[in-house]
């Protein structure tokens, strides 16, 4: 498994019971922040962290905005707040590790450009 991007970007919100989550808990459907947020500039190329099958779409109710998920036998990798119309791997397609899959953005309930990444 690799990071879903090249380069080094800061973690802007870690997993779990973070101060940001505590201040905004009414907006979160989970007890704690369910992933890790990376401070990627809008338009940063996203790469498949693992090989698997793609599901993608829009989800406004949970705040993800444009998202994609890579399903594997060991779990699902979710990337959220992707840039509008940037998803490069259509639903049902298969991707390999490191393949370009979209661009980072600030869609959904994002307070600025970043990538929300979680493994379920």
N, C-alpha and C. Protein backbone atom coordinates (compact mmCIF):
# COMPACT_ATOMS: atom_id res chain seq x y z
N UNK A 1 0.84 -1.17 0.00
CA UNK A 1 0.00 0.00 0.00
C UNK A 1 0.89 1.24 0.00
N UNK A 2 0.51 2.20 -0.79
CA UNK A 2 1.26 3.45 -0.89
C UNK A 2 0.35 4.60 -0.50
N UNK A 3 0.90 5.78 -0.33
CA UNK A 3 0.07 6.96 -0.14
C UNK A 3 -0.65 7.26 -1.45
N UNK A 4 -1.80 7.89 -1.37
CA UNK A 4 -2.57 8.15 -2.59
C UNK A 4 -2.10 9.40 -3.35
N UNK A 5 -0.86 9.77 -3.20
CA UNK A 5 -0.28 10.92 -3.90
C UNK A 5 1.23 10.81 -3.83
N UNK A 6 1.91 11.53 -4.71
CA UNK A 6 3.36 11.64 -4.64
C UNK A 6 3.72 12.90 -3.87
N UNK A 7 4.85 12.91 -3.27
CA UNK A 7 5.30 14.10 -2.56
C UNK A 7 5.02 14.00 -1.07
N UNK A 8 5.31 15.09 -0.38
CA UNK A 8 5.15 15.15 1.06
C UNK A 8 4.20 16.30 1.41
N UNK A 9 3.09 15.97 1.99
CA UNK A 9 2.10 16.97 2.40
C UNK A 9 1.74 16.73 3.85
N UNK A 10 1.41 17.80 4.59
CA UNK A 10 1.15 17.63 6.02
C UNK A 10 -0.21 16.98 6.28
N UNK A 11 -0.27 16.28 7.42
CA UNK A 11 -1.56 15.80 7.91
C UNK A 11 -2.22 17.00 8.60
N UNK A 12 -3.40 17.37 8.13
CA UNK A 12 -4.09 18.53 8.70
C UNK A 12 -5.15 18.13 9.71
N UNK A 13 -5.58 16.86 9.68
CA UNK A 13 -6.45 16.32 10.73
C UNK A 13 -6.21 14.82 10.80
N UNK A 14 -5.73 14.33 11.94
CA UNK A 14 -5.47 12.90 12.06
C UNK A 14 -6.78 12.13 12.29
N UNK A 15 -6.64 10.83 12.42
CA UNK A 15 -7.76 9.94 12.69
C UNK A 15 -8.16 10.06 14.17
N UNK A 16 -9.47 9.93 14.43
CA UNK A 16 -9.93 9.79 15.81
C UNK A 16 -10.58 11.02 16.40
N UNK A 17 -10.47 11.14 17.70
CA UNK A 17 -11.13 12.19 18.46
C UNK A 17 -10.28 13.46 18.44
N UNK A 18 -10.36 14.20 17.35
CA UNK A 18 -9.54 15.38 17.15
C UNK A 18 -10.25 16.62 17.69
N UNK A 19 -9.52 17.69 17.96
CA UNK A 19 -10.18 18.93 18.40
C UNK A 19 -11.18 19.45 17.37
N UNK A 20 -10.84 19.37 16.07
CA UNK A 20 -11.77 19.84 15.04
C UNK A 20 -13.05 19.02 15.07
N UNK A 21 -12.91 17.69 15.23
CA UNK A 21 -14.08 16.84 15.33
C UNK A 21 -14.93 17.23 16.54
N UNK A 22 -14.30 17.46 17.69
CA UNK A 22 -15.03 17.81 18.90
C UNK A 22 -15.81 19.11 18.73
N UNK A 23 -15.23 20.08 18.04
CA UNK A 23 -15.90 21.36 17.82
C UNK A 23 -17.02 21.27 16.80
N UNK A 24 -16.99 20.25 15.94
CA UNK A 24 -17.96 20.12 14.85
C UNK A 24 -18.65 18.77 14.85
N UNK A 25 -18.79 18.12 15.99
CA UNK A 25 -19.27 16.74 16.05
C UNK A 25 -20.66 16.57 15.47
N UNK A 26 -21.49 17.59 15.45
CA UNK A 26 -22.83 17.46 14.87
C UNK A 26 -22.76 17.21 13.36
N UNK A 27 -21.67 17.61 12.72
CA UNK A 27 -21.50 17.42 11.27
C UNK A 27 -20.95 16.05 10.90
N UNK A 28 -20.47 15.30 11.89
CA UNK A 28 -19.82 14.02 11.61
C UNK A 28 -20.77 12.86 11.88
N UNK A 29 -20.88 11.91 10.93
CA UNK A 29 -21.74 10.76 11.16
C UNK A 29 -21.07 9.66 11.99
N UNK A 30 -19.80 9.83 12.31
CA UNK A 30 -19.05 8.80 13.04
C UNK A 30 -18.55 9.37 14.37
N UNK A 31 -18.29 8.52 15.35
CA UNK A 31 -17.68 8.99 16.60
C UNK A 31 -16.18 9.22 16.41
N UNK A 32 -15.83 10.40 16.03
CA UNK A 32 -14.44 10.73 15.73
C UNK A 32 -14.24 10.88 14.23
N UNK A 33 -13.11 11.43 13.87
CA UNK A 33 -12.77 11.61 12.47
C UNK A 33 -12.35 10.26 11.91
N UNK A 34 -13.06 9.78 10.88
CA UNK A 34 -12.90 8.41 10.39
C UNK A 34 -11.72 8.20 9.45
N UNK A 35 -10.99 9.22 9.15
CA UNK A 35 -9.86 9.09 8.24
C UNK A 35 -8.73 10.02 8.62
N UNK A 36 -7.86 10.26 7.65
CA UNK A 36 -6.75 11.19 7.81
C UNK A 36 -6.88 12.23 6.70
N UNK A 37 -6.77 13.50 7.06
CA UNK A 37 -6.81 14.58 6.08
C UNK A 37 -5.38 15.04 5.78
N UNK A 38 -5.08 15.15 4.49
CA UNK A 38 -3.78 15.64 4.03
C UNK A 38 -3.98 17.00 3.38
N UNK A 39 -3.11 17.93 3.64
CA UNK A 39 -3.19 19.28 3.09
C UNK A 39 -2.69 19.35 1.66
N UNK A 40 -3.39 18.70 0.75
CA UNK A 40 -3.02 18.74 -0.67
C UNK A 40 -3.63 19.97 -1.33
N UNK A 41 -2.88 20.68 -2.15
CA UNK A 41 -3.46 21.77 -2.92
C UNK A 41 -4.48 21.22 -3.92
N UNK A 42 -5.49 22.00 -4.23
CA UNK A 42 -6.49 21.59 -5.22
C UNK A 42 -5.79 21.27 -6.53
N UNK A 43 -6.20 20.17 -7.15
CA UNK A 43 -5.63 19.77 -8.43
C UNK A 43 -4.45 18.83 -8.34
N UNK A 44 -4.04 18.44 -7.12
CA UNK A 44 -2.94 17.49 -6.97
C UNK A 44 -3.38 16.12 -7.50
N UNK A 45 -2.53 15.49 -8.29
CA UNK A 45 -2.86 14.18 -8.86
C UNK A 45 -2.99 13.13 -7.75
N UNK A 46 -4.11 12.41 -7.76
CA UNK A 46 -4.32 11.31 -6.83
C UNK A 46 -3.97 10.00 -7.52
N UNK A 47 -3.35 9.10 -6.77
CA UNK A 47 -2.91 7.82 -7.30
C UNK A 47 -3.53 6.70 -6.47
N UNK A 48 -3.85 5.60 -7.12
CA UNK A 48 -4.43 4.46 -6.41
C UNK A 48 -3.43 3.94 -5.38
N UNK A 49 -3.82 3.92 -4.10
CA UNK A 49 -2.90 3.40 -3.08
C UNK A 49 -2.78 1.88 -3.11
N UNK A 50 -3.77 1.22 -3.73
CA UNK A 50 -3.81 -0.24 -3.85
C UNK A 50 -4.50 -0.59 -5.16
N UNK A 51 -4.39 -1.84 -5.57
CA UNK A 51 -5.14 -2.33 -6.73
C UNK A 51 -6.53 -2.75 -6.28
N UNK A 52 -7.52 -2.54 -7.13
CA UNK A 52 -8.88 -2.95 -6.78
C UNK A 52 -9.92 -2.41 -7.74
N UNK A 53 -11.18 -2.49 -7.31
CA UNK A 53 -12.32 -2.05 -8.12
C UNK A 53 -12.81 -0.69 -7.66
N UNK A 54 -13.18 0.14 -8.62
CA UNK A 54 -13.59 1.52 -8.35
C UNK A 54 -15.11 1.64 -8.21
N UNK A 55 -15.49 2.41 -7.20
CA UNK A 55 -16.85 2.95 -7.07
C UNK A 55 -16.64 4.43 -6.84
N UNK A 56 -17.50 5.28 -7.41
CA UNK A 56 -17.32 6.71 -7.21
C UNK A 56 -18.65 7.42 -7.35
N UNK A 57 -18.67 8.68 -6.94
CA UNK A 57 -19.88 9.46 -7.07
C UNK A 57 -19.85 10.73 -6.25
N UNK A 58 -21.05 11.25 -5.98
CA UNK A 58 -21.24 12.47 -5.20
C UNK A 58 -21.96 12.10 -3.92
N UNK A 59 -21.53 12.61 -2.80
CA UNK A 59 -22.21 12.34 -1.54
C UNK A 59 -22.22 13.63 -0.73
N UNK A 60 -23.34 14.33 -0.81
CA UNK A 60 -23.46 15.58 -0.08
C UNK A 60 -23.90 15.39 1.36
N UNK A 61 -24.63 14.32 1.66
CA UNK A 61 -25.17 14.11 3.00
C UNK A 61 -24.09 13.90 4.05
N UNK A 62 -23.00 13.27 3.71
CA UNK A 62 -21.93 13.03 4.68
C UNK A 62 -20.79 14.02 4.51
N UNK A 63 -20.91 14.91 3.55
CA UNK A 63 -19.90 15.94 3.37
C UNK A 63 -18.72 15.55 2.53
N UNK A 64 -18.71 14.33 1.97
CA UNK A 64 -17.57 13.90 1.17
C UNK A 64 -17.43 14.63 -0.15
N UNK A 65 -18.51 15.15 -0.69
CA UNK A 65 -18.44 15.73 -2.03
C UNK A 65 -18.17 14.64 -3.05
N UNK A 66 -17.30 14.93 -4.01
CA UNK A 66 -16.92 13.90 -4.99
C UNK A 66 -15.93 12.96 -4.32
N UNK A 67 -16.20 11.67 -4.42
CA UNK A 67 -15.41 10.66 -3.74
C UNK A 67 -15.17 9.48 -4.65
N UNK A 68 -14.21 8.68 -4.28
CA UNK A 68 -14.05 7.39 -4.94
C UNK A 68 -13.57 6.40 -3.92
N UNK A 69 -13.87 5.15 -4.20
CA UNK A 69 -13.54 4.06 -3.30
C UNK A 69 -12.88 2.96 -4.12
N UNK A 70 -11.83 2.40 -3.57
CA UNK A 70 -11.18 1.25 -4.20
C UNK A 70 -11.45 0.04 -3.30
N UNK A 71 -12.19 -0.91 -3.83
CA UNK A 71 -12.52 -2.11 -3.08
C UNK A 71 -11.49 -3.19 -3.32
N UNK A 72 -11.06 -3.82 -2.23
CA UNK A 72 -10.11 -4.92 -2.28
C UNK A 72 -10.65 -6.05 -1.40
N UNK A 73 -10.09 -7.25 -1.49
CA UNK A 73 -10.52 -8.33 -0.60
C UNK A 73 -10.27 -8.02 0.88
N UNK A 74 -9.35 -7.10 1.18
CA UNK A 74 -9.01 -6.79 2.57
C UNK A 74 -9.65 -5.52 3.10
N UNK A 75 -10.42 -4.81 2.28
CA UNK A 75 -11.06 -3.59 2.75
C UNK A 75 -11.29 -2.60 1.63
N UNK A 76 -11.81 -1.43 2.03
CA UNK A 76 -12.12 -0.37 1.07
C UNK A 76 -11.30 0.87 1.41
N UNK A 77 -10.75 1.48 0.39
CA UNK A 77 -9.97 2.71 0.53
C UNK A 77 -10.81 3.85 -0.05
N UNK A 78 -11.13 4.84 0.79
CA UNK A 78 -11.99 5.94 0.37
C UNK A 78 -11.17 7.21 0.27
N UNK A 79 -11.34 7.94 -0.85
CA UNK A 79 -10.71 9.24 -1.05
C UNK A 79 -11.84 10.24 -1.30
N UNK A 80 -11.89 11.30 -0.51
CA UNK A 80 -13.02 12.22 -0.59
C UNK A 80 -12.56 13.67 -0.78
N UNK A 81 -13.52 14.50 -1.16
CA UNK A 81 -13.35 15.93 -1.48
C UNK A 81 -12.60 16.12 -2.80
N UNK A 82 -12.74 15.16 -3.69
CA UNK A 82 -12.05 15.22 -4.98
C UNK A 82 -12.57 16.40 -5.82
N UNK A 83 -11.75 16.85 -6.73
CA UNK A 83 -12.09 17.96 -7.61
C UNK A 83 -13.23 17.56 -8.54
N UNK A 84 -14.15 18.47 -8.75
CA UNK A 84 -15.29 18.26 -9.64
C UNK A 84 -14.83 17.84 -11.02
N UNK A 85 -15.41 16.77 -11.55
CA UNK A 85 -15.12 16.22 -12.87
C UNK A 85 -13.65 15.84 -13.09
N UNK A 86 -12.99 15.40 -12.02
CA UNK A 86 -11.58 15.02 -12.17
C UNK A 86 -11.37 13.52 -12.05
N UNK A 87 -12.41 12.76 -11.74
CA UNK A 87 -12.23 11.33 -11.52
C UNK A 87 -11.86 10.64 -12.83
N UNK A 88 -10.74 9.94 -12.83
CA UNK A 88 -10.18 9.35 -14.05
C UNK A 88 -10.44 7.85 -14.18
N UNK A 89 -11.05 7.25 -13.17
CA UNK A 89 -11.32 5.81 -13.20
C UNK A 89 -12.84 5.63 -13.02
N UNK A 90 -13.55 5.18 -14.05
CA UNK A 90 -15.00 5.07 -13.97
C UNK A 90 -15.46 3.93 -13.05
N UNK A 91 -16.70 4.04 -12.58
CA UNK A 91 -17.30 3.00 -11.75
C UNK A 91 -17.14 1.64 -12.40
N UNK A 92 -16.77 0.65 -11.61
CA UNK A 92 -16.65 -0.71 -12.10
C UNK A 92 -15.32 -1.04 -12.73
N UNK A 93 -14.48 -0.03 -12.94
CA UNK A 93 -13.18 -0.31 -13.55
C UNK A 93 -12.22 -0.87 -12.51
N UNK A 94 -11.16 -1.47 -13.00
CA UNK A 94 -10.11 -2.01 -12.14
C UNK A 94 -8.90 -1.09 -12.26
N UNK A 95 -8.27 -0.82 -11.14
CA UNK A 95 -7.05 0.01 -11.15
C UNK A 95 -5.91 -0.79 -10.54
N UNK A 96 -4.69 -0.37 -10.88
CA UNK A 96 -3.51 -0.96 -10.27
C UNK A 96 -2.88 0.08 -9.34
N UNK A 97 -2.09 -0.39 -8.41
CA UNK A 97 -1.44 0.51 -7.47
C UNK A 97 -0.60 1.54 -8.22
N UNK A 98 -0.75 2.82 -7.85
CA UNK A 98 0.00 3.90 -8.47
C UNK A 98 -0.66 4.53 -9.68
N UNK A 99 -1.77 3.97 -10.16
CA UNK A 99 -2.46 4.50 -11.34
C UNK A 99 -3.15 5.83 -11.00
N UNK A 100 -3.08 6.84 -11.89
CA UNK A 100 -3.82 8.09 -11.66
C UNK A 100 -5.33 7.82 -11.61
N UNK A 101 -5.99 8.37 -10.58
CA UNK A 101 -7.42 8.12 -10.41
C UNK A 101 -8.25 9.38 -10.27
N UNK A 102 -7.64 10.53 -10.08
CA UNK A 102 -8.40 11.77 -9.94
C UNK A 102 -7.51 12.89 -9.44
N UNK A 103 -8.14 13.98 -9.02
CA UNK A 103 -7.41 15.14 -8.51
C UNK A 103 -8.03 15.57 -7.17
N UNK A 104 -7.21 16.12 -6.32
CA UNK A 104 -7.70 16.60 -5.03
C UNK A 104 -8.49 17.90 -5.24
N UNK A 105 -9.36 18.17 -4.28
CA UNK A 105 -10.18 19.37 -4.40
C UNK A 105 -10.71 19.83 -3.06
N UNK A 106 -11.88 20.46 -3.10
CA UNK A 106 -12.50 20.96 -1.87
C UNK A 106 -14.02 20.83 -1.94
N UNK A 107 -14.51 19.75 -2.59
CA UNK A 107 -15.95 19.57 -2.71
C UNK A 107 -16.53 19.02 -1.41
N UNK A 108 -17.84 19.12 -1.26
CA UNK A 108 -18.51 18.66 -0.05
C UNK A 108 -18.34 19.67 1.07
N UNK A 109 -18.24 19.18 2.28
CA UNK A 109 -18.14 20.05 3.45
C UNK A 109 -16.71 20.42 3.80
N UNK A 110 -15.85 20.48 2.83
CA UNK A 110 -14.45 20.82 3.08
C UNK A 110 -14.33 22.31 3.43
N UNK A 111 -13.43 22.62 4.36
CA UNK A 111 -13.18 24.01 4.71
C UNK A 111 -12.02 24.59 3.91
N UNK A 112 -11.47 23.79 3.02
CA UNK A 112 -10.39 24.20 2.14
C UNK A 112 -9.91 22.97 1.39
N UNK A 113 -9.05 23.17 0.39
CA UNK A 113 -8.58 22.02 -0.39
C UNK A 113 -7.80 21.04 0.50
N UNK A 114 -8.15 19.78 0.39
CA UNK A 114 -7.43 18.71 1.08
C UNK A 114 -7.94 17.37 0.58
N UNK A 115 -7.28 16.31 1.00
CA UNK A 115 -7.71 14.96 0.70
C UNK A 115 -8.09 14.27 1.99
N UNK A 116 -9.31 13.74 2.04
CA UNK A 116 -9.72 12.88 3.16
C UNK A 116 -9.50 11.45 2.69
N UNK A 117 -8.72 10.68 3.47
CA UNK A 117 -8.39 9.30 3.09
C UNK A 117 -8.68 8.38 4.27
N UNK A 118 -9.42 7.32 4.00
CA UNK A 118 -9.69 6.35 5.06
C UNK A 118 -9.69 4.94 4.50
N UNK A 119 -9.38 4.00 5.36
CA UNK A 119 -9.41 2.58 5.03
C UNK A 119 -10.44 1.95 5.94
N UNK A 120 -11.38 1.23 5.32
CA UNK A 120 -12.47 0.60 6.09
C UNK A 120 -12.35 -0.90 6.04
